[in-house]
């Protein structure tokens, strides 16, 4: 059973990584993922930042739809397919919602002892809390200017 299309990931949560390398997924994120019915979280190292990009099956479906819109032989499409096909890791959660992040993902995100789950609306990211604090400060600076370009959407049925 897929989660509802309107489900979203909001908030940030810091959890400890236990001695066995397990990390508890926040309850709100488990609900958004539709766990335990759909018990897989797809995780890949970010291609842009020292974090892990994560989501459920619909995250993968959306990602693949976007990639499918690229020219089938373009270097961009081939590279994206290669990265996601080889780097995406499906992780099963235990009954407590814990996942075991592989060493390669933990190393990419510089995780040691704690991890921060950051909502990213339609997906979420896992960060080292200290590194995320720096990224959040940068995002605040950019968003302060970006919000000046936001416009209210047209009311339904107006200006088609």
Protein backbone atom coordinates (compact mmCIF):
# COMPACT_ATOMS: atom_id res chain seq x y z
CA UNK A 1 0.00 0.00 0.00
CA UNK A 2 1.45 3.35 -1.03
CA UNK A 3 1.24 6.35 1.23
CA UNK A 4 -1.14 9.14 0.29
CA UNK A 5 0.19 11.49 -2.40
CA UNK A 6 -0.33 14.44 -0.06
CA UNK A 7 1.91 13.08 2.73
CA UNK A 8 4.85 15.33 3.45
CA UNK A 9 8.00 15.35 5.59
CA UNK A 10 8.34 18.36 7.90
CA UNK A 11 10.47 19.08 10.93
CA UNK A 12 13.89 18.03 12.13
CA UNK A 13 14.74 15.36 14.68
CA UNK A 14 18.05 14.29 16.19
CA UNK A 15 18.43 10.60 17.10
CA UNK A 16 21.35 8.60 18.42
CA UNK A 17 23.09 5.94 16.37
CA UNK A 18 23.43 2.90 18.63
CA UNK A 19 26.49 0.64 19.00
CA UNK A 20 25.16 -1.65 16.24
CA UNK A 21 24.80 1.27 13.81
CA UNK A 22 21.00 1.39 14.08
CA UNK A 23 19.13 4.65 13.82
CA UNK A 24 15.49 5.20 14.80
CA UNK A 25 13.34 6.87 12.15
CA UNK A 26 11.13 9.63 13.65
CA UNK A 27 7.51 8.57 14.22
CA UNK A 28 6.11 11.35 11.99
CA UNK A 29 8.37 10.23 9.14
CA UNK A 30 7.35 6.57 9.65
CA UNK A 31 3.71 7.62 9.33
CA UNK A 32 4.43 9.66 6.19
CA UNK A 33 6.21 6.62 4.73
CA UNK A 34 3.21 4.40 5.51
CA UNK A 35 5.17 2.08 7.81
CA UNK A 36 4.80 -0.73 8.65
CA UNK A 37 2.75 -1.55 5.52
CA UNK A 38 5.54 -0.25 3.30
CA UNK A 39 8.63 -1.12 5.27
CA UNK A 40 11.39 0.21 3.03
CA UNK A 41 13.23 3.52 3.08
CA UNK A 42 15.29 4.30 -0.03
CA UNK A 43 18.53 6.11 0.78
CA UNK A 44 21.30 7.49 -1.42
CA UNK A 45 24.25 9.79 -0.82
CA UNK A 46 23.41 13.31 -1.95
CA UNK A 47 25.22 14.32 -5.11
CA UNK A 48 25.52 17.90 -3.81
CA UNK A 49 25.86 17.87 -0.02
CA UNK A 50 27.28 15.68 2.77
CA UNK A 51 23.92 14.15 3.60
CA UNK A 52 21.74 11.16 2.70
CA UNK A 53 18.65 11.65 0.51
CA UNK A 54 15.76 9.42 1.61
CA UNK A 55 12.15 8.62 0.83
CA UNK A 56 9.60 5.92 0.16
CA UNK A 57 8.56 4.16 -3.03
CA UNK A 58 6.77 7.23 -4.37
CA UNK A 59 10.01 9.21 -3.94
CA UNK A 60 11.74 6.69 -6.22
CA UNK A 61 8.82 6.72 -8.68
CA UNK A 62 8.93 10.53 -8.90
CA UNK A 63 12.70 10.55 -9.29
CA UNK A 64 12.54 7.98 -12.09
CA UNK A 65 9.76 9.91 -13.86
CA UNK A 66 11.93 13.03 -13.86
CA UNK A 67 14.93 11.10 -15.17
CA UNK A 68 12.75 9.41 -17.83
CA UNK A 69 11.92 12.85 -19.25
CA UNK A 70 15.56 13.36 -20.25
CA UNK A 71 16.86 12.29 -23.66
CA UNK A 72 17.59 8.54 -23.31
CA UNK A 73 21.17 8.87 -24.55
CA UNK A 74 22.12 12.17 -22.92
CA UNK A 75 25.14 12.11 -20.61
CA UNK A 76 22.98 13.71 -17.89
CA UNK A 77 20.42 10.91 -17.99
CA UNK A 78 23.04 8.17 -18.19
CA UNK A 79 24.90 9.70 -15.23
CA UNK A 80 21.78 10.12 -13.11
CA UNK A 81 20.65 6.57 -13.83
CA UNK A 82 24.12 5.25 -13.01
CA UNK A 83 24.34 7.17 -9.75
CA UNK A 84 20.88 6.22 -8.51
CA UNK A 85 20.97 2.63 -9.75
CA UNK A 86 24.29 1.96 -8.05
CA UNK A 87 24.05 4.21 -4.98
CA UNK A 88 20.38 3.91 -3.92
CA UNK A 89 20.06 1.53 -0.99
CA UNK A 90 16.67 0.14 0.08
CA UNK A 91 16.70 -0.23 3.87
CA UNK A 92 14.17 -2.23 5.85
CA UNK A 93 13.13 -0.92 9.23
CA UNK A 94 12.64 -3.17 12.23
CA UNK A 95 9.41 -3.14 14.27
CA UNK A 96 10.70 -0.11 16.25
CA UNK A 97 11.35 1.82 13.02
CA UNK A 98 15.14 1.51 13.24
CA UNK A 99 17.25 1.30 10.12
CA UNK A 100 20.85 0.18 9.84
CA UNK A 101 22.73 2.64 7.67
CA UNK A 102 25.57 1.05 5.69
CA UNK A 103 29.08 2.32 6.43
CA UNK A 104 29.34 4.03 3.03
CA UNK A 105 26.26 6.18 3.73
CA UNK A 106 27.39 7.00 7.27
CA UNK A 107 30.83 7.95 5.95
CA UNK A 108 29.37 10.16 3.19
CA UNK A 109 27.23 12.08 5.72
CA UNK A 110 30.02 12.14 8.34
CA UNK A 111 27.70 10.51 10.89
CA UNK A 112 29.16 9.63 14.25
CA UNK A 113 26.95 9.10 17.29
CA UNK A 114 23.98 11.24 16.23
CA UNK A 115 22.02 11.90 13.07
CA UNK A 116 19.58 14.65 12.21
CA UNK A 117 16.51 13.81 10.12
CA UNK A 118 15.54 16.92 8.15
CA UNK A 119 12.18 17.12 6.43
CA UNK A 120 12.52 18.07 2.78
CA UNK A 121 8.78 18.23 1.99
CA UNK A 122 8.42 15.25 -0.42
CA UNK A 123 11.50 13.45 0.91
CA UNK A 124 13.87 13.81 3.83
CA UNK A 125 17.58 13.99 4.45
CA UNK A 126 19.86 12.57 7.13
CA UNK A 127 22.67 14.88 8.27
CA UNK A 128 25.43 15.22 10.83
CA UNK A 129 23.72 17.75 13.18
CA UNK A 130 26.70 20.14 13.22
CA UNK A 131 27.04 20.18 9.45
CA UNK A 132 23.28 20.66 9.06
CA UNK A 133 23.41 23.75 11.31
CA UNK A 134 25.81 25.36 8.82
CA UNK A 135 23.67 24.32 5.82
CA UNK A 136 20.55 25.69 7.53
CA UNK A 137 22.20 29.07 8.11
CA UNK A 138 23.11 29.25 4.41
CA UNK A 139 19.54 28.25 3.45
CA UNK A 140 18.15 31.01 5.67
CA UNK A 141 20.23 33.61 3.82
CA UNK A 142 19.13 32.35 0.40
CA UNK A 143 15.47 31.92 1.38
CA UNK A 144 15.27 35.47 2.75
CA UNK A 145 15.87 36.75 -0.77
CA UNK A 146 13.98 33.94 -2.52
CA UNK A 147 10.73 34.59 -0.67
CA UNK A 148 10.57 38.05 -2.28
CA UNK A 149 9.92 36.32 -5.61
CA UNK A 150 7.02 34.18 -4.30
CA UNK A 151 3.57 34.99 -5.65
CA UNK A 152 0.16 33.91 -4.43
CA UNK A 153 -1.32 31.21 -6.64
CA UNK A 154 -4.30 32.19 -8.78
CA UNK A 155 -7.66 31.16 -7.26
CA UNK A 156 -9.13 28.00 -8.75
CA UNK A 157 -10.77 28.66 -12.11
CA UNK A 158 -9.07 32.04 -12.64
CA UNK A 159 -6.55 32.74 -15.40
CA UNK A 160 -6.29 29.37 -17.09
